[in-house]
């Protein structure tokens, strides 16, 4: 599959709107997270900081590369989500004429479902990391760009919650209690981090 990040915006929107299973919600959440990270990166790069203090400039310069790396990873995760769904769909179409076919098909489905769960798990985790970085941007960034950062926080928080919905949907069909329990704990902890960082960042913006 072509990298979604290389598509013109209009083409990407057409792809999402098309009556096809991919790109779906998982890919869109990663794109939304990448957009939020990009907005935060922009605010961090503005020449003026909150108080034009040297420490603020140093703090913003420190988080910018991390925001850029997170944005790039989220771009990649959008495509990986589509790839994972395609593998899941291919597994579902495997033959089931014989007992051996059925066994192989079930094993392929189990593996593909786990892969399809791990991608949004990572998407949510990267979004949590981005929101933690936004705490610095909210505290040191130019106040004139506060509305931009509010949008960024909303996008990334929603992306994390959307990724969590994908994780939970996939776990409903996972017949591996250990994997399901571990994934559930991971996504719950990640969403706790998301909520805390978003709350902190908004408080800093309003302070």
Protein backbone atom coordinates (compact mmCIF):
# COMPACT_ATOMS: atom_id res chain seq x y z
CA UNK A 1 0.00 0.00 0.00
CA UNK A 2 1.16 3.53 -0.76
CA UNK A 3 2.14 5.67 2.19
CA UNK A 4 -0.88 7.74 3.19
CA UNK A 5 1.40 10.62 4.21
CA UNK A 6 2.52 11.10 0.60
CA UNK A 7 -1.01 11.75 -0.68
CA UNK A 8 -2.29 15.27 -1.38
CA UNK A 9 -4.88 16.27 1.22
CA UNK A 10 -7.78 16.07 -1.24
CA UNK A 11 -6.74 12.57 -2.32
CA UNK A 12 -6.40 11.45 1.28
CA UNK A 13 -9.90 12.71 2.08
CA UNK A 14 -11.27 10.96 -1.00
CA UNK A 15 -9.60 7.74 0.10
CA UNK A 16 -11.14 8.02 3.55
CA UNK A 17 -14.58 8.83 2.13
CA UNK A 18 -14.54 5.97 -0.38
CA UNK A 19 -16.69 2.88 0.37
CA UNK A 20 -13.68 0.75 1.27
CA UNK A 21 -12.53 -0.56 4.66
CA UNK A 22 -9.17 1.21 4.51
CA UNK A 23 -8.13 3.78 5.41
CA UNK A 24 -10.53 3.57 8.33
CA UNK A 25 -10.76 4.84 11.87
CA UNK A 26 -7.36 3.54 12.94
CA UNK A 27 -5.54 5.29 10.14
CA UNK A 28 -7.52 8.49 10.62
CA UNK A 29 -6.66 8.61 14.31
CA UNK A 30 -2.96 8.39 13.46
CA UNK A 31 -3.34 11.19 10.90
CA UNK A 32 -5.18 13.33 13.46
CA UNK A 33 -2.42 12.71 15.97
CA UNK A 34 0.21 13.68 13.40
CA UNK A 35 -1.65 16.91 12.65
CA UNK A 36 -1.75 17.75 16.34
CA UNK A 37 1.95 17.03 16.73
CA UNK A 38 2.69 19.24 13.73
CA UNK A 39 0.72 22.12 15.26
CA UNK A 40 2.61 21.78 18.53
CA UNK A 41 5.86 21.68 16.58
CA UNK A 42 4.89 24.92 14.85
CA UNK A 43 4.18 26.67 18.14
CA UNK A 44 7.49 25.46 19.54
CA UNK A 45 9.31 26.85 16.50
CA UNK A 46 7.84 30.37 16.69
CA UNK A 47 10.54 33.00 17.29
CA UNK A 48 8.80 34.50 20.32
CA UNK A 49 8.23 32.50 23.50
CA UNK A 50 5.88 33.26 26.39
CA UNK A 51 8.23 35.63 28.23
CA UNK A 52 11.04 35.68 25.64
CA UNK A 53 13.25 34.02 28.24
CA UNK A 54 16.35 32.05 27.31
CA UNK A 55 15.17 29.05 29.36
CA UNK A 56 11.90 28.97 27.42
CA UNK A 57 13.69 29.00 24.09
CA UNK A 58 15.97 26.19 25.25
CA UNK A 59 13.03 24.12 26.47
CA UNK A 60 11.14 24.55 23.20
CA UNK A 61 14.20 23.74 21.12
CA UNK A 62 14.62 20.57 23.15
CA UNK A 63 11.10 19.25 22.51
CA UNK A 64 10.88 20.15 18.83
CA UNK A 65 12.93 17.18 17.53
CA UNK A 66 10.87 14.82 19.70
CA UNK A 67 7.64 16.27 18.32
CA UNK A 68 8.96 15.88 14.77
CA UNK A 69 9.90 12.26 15.42
CA UNK A 70 6.48 11.53 16.91
CA UNK A 71 4.78 13.15 13.94
CA UNK A 72 6.79 11.00 11.54
CA UNK A 73 5.94 7.85 13.49
CA UNK A 74 2.23 8.68 13.48
CA UNK A 75 2.38 9.23 9.72
CA UNK A 76 3.87 5.75 9.38
CA UNK A 77 1.33 4.24 11.78
CA UNK A 78 -1.49 5.47 9.55
CA UNK A 79 -0.20 3.26 6.74
CA UNK A 80 0.67 0.41 9.10
CA UNK A 81 -2.92 0.40 10.34
CA UNK A 82 -4.18 -0.09 6.80
CA UNK A 83 -1.61 -2.84 6.22
CA UNK A 84 -2.66 -4.63 9.42
CA UNK A 85 -6.33 -4.54 8.43
CA UNK A 86 -5.48 -5.85 4.97
CA UNK A 87 -3.63 -8.78 6.55
CA UNK A 88 -6.60 -9.46 8.80
CA UNK A 89 -8.97 -9.46 5.85
CA UNK A 90 -6.65 -11.76 3.89
CA UNK A 91 -6.56 -14.19 6.81
CA UNK A 92 -10.34 -14.23 6.97
CA UNK A 93 -10.44 -15.24 3.30
CA UNK A 94 -8.15 -18.24 3.70
CA UNK A 95 -9.67 -21.59 2.71
CA UNK A 96 -11.53 -23.64 5.32
CA UNK A 97 -12.47 -26.73 3.34
CA UNK A 98 -10.53 -29.17 5.52
CA UNK A 99 -9.71 -29.38 9.21
CA UNK A 100 -6.11 -28.46 8.39
CA UNK A 101 -7.34 -25.43 6.44
CA UNK A 102 -9.51 -24.37 9.35
CA UNK A 103 -6.66 -24.70 11.83
CA UNK A 104 -4.30 -22.70 9.63
CA UNK A 105 -6.95 -20.05 9.04
CA UNK A 106 -7.70 -19.65 12.75
CA UNK A 107 -3.98 -19.33 13.52
CA UNK A 108 -3.54 -16.70 10.80
CA UNK A 109 -6.59 -14.79 12.06
CA UNK A 110 -5.25 -14.84 15.61
CA UNK A 111 -1.87 -13.49 14.55
CA UNK A 112 -3.38 -10.85 12.28
CA UNK A 113 -5.78 -9.68 14.99
CA UNK A 114 -2.92 -9.25 17.44
CA UNK A 115 -0.98 -7.26 14.85
CA UNK A 116 -4.06 -5.12 14.19
CA UNK A 117 -4.27 -4.45 17.94
CA UNK A 118 -0.63 -3.54 18.41
CA UNK A 119 -0.75 -0.75 15.82
CA UNK A 120 -3.44 1.37 17.55
CA UNK A 121 -1.82 0.54 20.89
CA UNK A 122 1.32 2.23 19.63
CA UNK A 123 -0.68 5.06 18.11
CA UNK A 124 -2.23 5.81 21.49
CA UNK A 125 1.17 5.60 23.21
CA UNK A 126 2.78 8.02 20.75
CA UNK A 127 -0.14 10.39 21.24
CA UNK A 128 0.40 10.24 25.01
CA UNK A 129 4.06 11.08 24.47
CA UNK A 130 3.11 14.01 22.25
CA UNK A 131 0.76 15.38 24.89
CA UNK A 132 3.52 15.16 27.47
CA UNK A 133 5.76 17.19 25.17
CA UNK A 134 2.93 19.68 24.74
CA UNK A 135 3.13 20.47 28.44
CA UNK A 136 6.45 22.17 27.71
CA UNK A 137 5.06 23.96 24.67
CA UNK A 138 2.04 25.15 26.64
CA UNK A 139 4.21 26.53 29.40
CA UNK A 140 6.89 28.16 27.26
CA UNK A 141 5.24 28.83 23.90
CA UNK A 142 4.00 32.12 22.49
CA UNK A 143 0.65 33.06 24.06
CA UNK A 144 -0.54 34.38 20.69
CA UNK A 145 -0.59 30.77 19.47
CA UNK A 146 -2.62 29.43 22.40
CA UNK A 147 -5.62 28.66 20.20
CA UNK A 148 -3.39 26.62 17.89
CA UNK A 149 -2.17 24.58 20.82
CA UNK A 150 -5.73 24.08 22.09
CA UNK A 151 -6.55 22.58 18.70
CA UNK A 152 -3.42 20.42 18.85
CA UNK A 153 -4.30 19.09 22.29
CA UNK A 154 -7.84 18.28 21.17
CA UNK A 155 -6.65 16.47 18.06
CA UNK A 156 -4.08 14.35 19.84
CA UNK A 157 -6.34 13.51 22.77
CA UNK A 158 -9.14 12.48 20.41
CA UNK A 159 -6.66 10.45 18.37
CA UNK A 160 -5.58 8.55 21.46
CA UNK A 161 -9.17 7.84 22.44
CA UNK A 162 -9.96 6.72 18.90
CA UNK A 163 -6.96 4.39 18.90
CA UNK A 164 -8.17 2.96 22.20
CA UNK A 165 -11.55 2.23 20.62
CA UNK A 166 -9.79 0.27 17.87
CA UNK A 167 -7.80 -1.68 20.45
CA UNK A 168 -10.92 -2.63 22.38
CA UNK A 169 -12.80 -3.63 19.24
CA UNK A 170 -9.98 -5.96 18.21
CA UNK A 171 -9.65 -7.45 21.68
CA UNK A 172 -13.26 -8.61 21.53
CA UNK A 173 -12.18 -11.25 19.01
CA UNK A 174 -8.83 -12.20 20.58
CA UNK A 175 -8.80 -15.69 22.07
CA UNK A 176 -5.68 -15.13 24.16
CA UNK A 177 -6.46 -14.01 27.72
CA UNK A 178 -2.87 -13.02 28.50
CA UNK A 179 -2.56 -10.83 25.41
CA UNK A 180 -6.00 -9.33 26.05
CA UNK A 181 -5.25 -8.53 29.68
CA UNK A 182 -1.84 -7.05 28.90
CA UNK A 183 -3.25 -4.93 26.07
CA UNK A 184 -6.15 -3.75 28.23
CA UNK A 185 -3.78 -2.67 30.98
CA UNK A 186 -1.54 -0.91 28.48
CA UNK A 187 -4.33 1.06 26.85
CA UNK A 188 -5.84 2.00 30.23
CA UNK A 189 -2.50 3.27 31.51
CA UNK A 190 -1.92 5.15 28.27
CA UNK A 191 -5.29 6.89 28.46
CA UNK A 192 -4.56 7.87 32.06
CA UNK A 193 -1.35 9.51 30.83
CA UNK A 194 -3.27 11.19 27.99
CA UNK A 195 -5.83 12.67 30.37
CA UNK A 196 -3.22 13.89 32.83
CA UNK A 197 -0.98 15.52 30.20
CA UNK A 198 -3.90 17.13 28.36
CA UNK A 199 -5.22 18.54 31.64
CA UNK A 200 -1.78 19.85 32.60
CA UNK A 201 -1.16 21.41 29.20
CA UNK A 202 -4.54 23.16 29.17
CA UNK A 203 -3.93 24.45 32.69
CA UNK A 204 -0.59 25.88 31.63
CA UNK A 205 -2.19 27.58 28.63
CA UNK A 206 -4.83 29.16 30.81
CA UNK A 207 -2.40 30.13 33.57
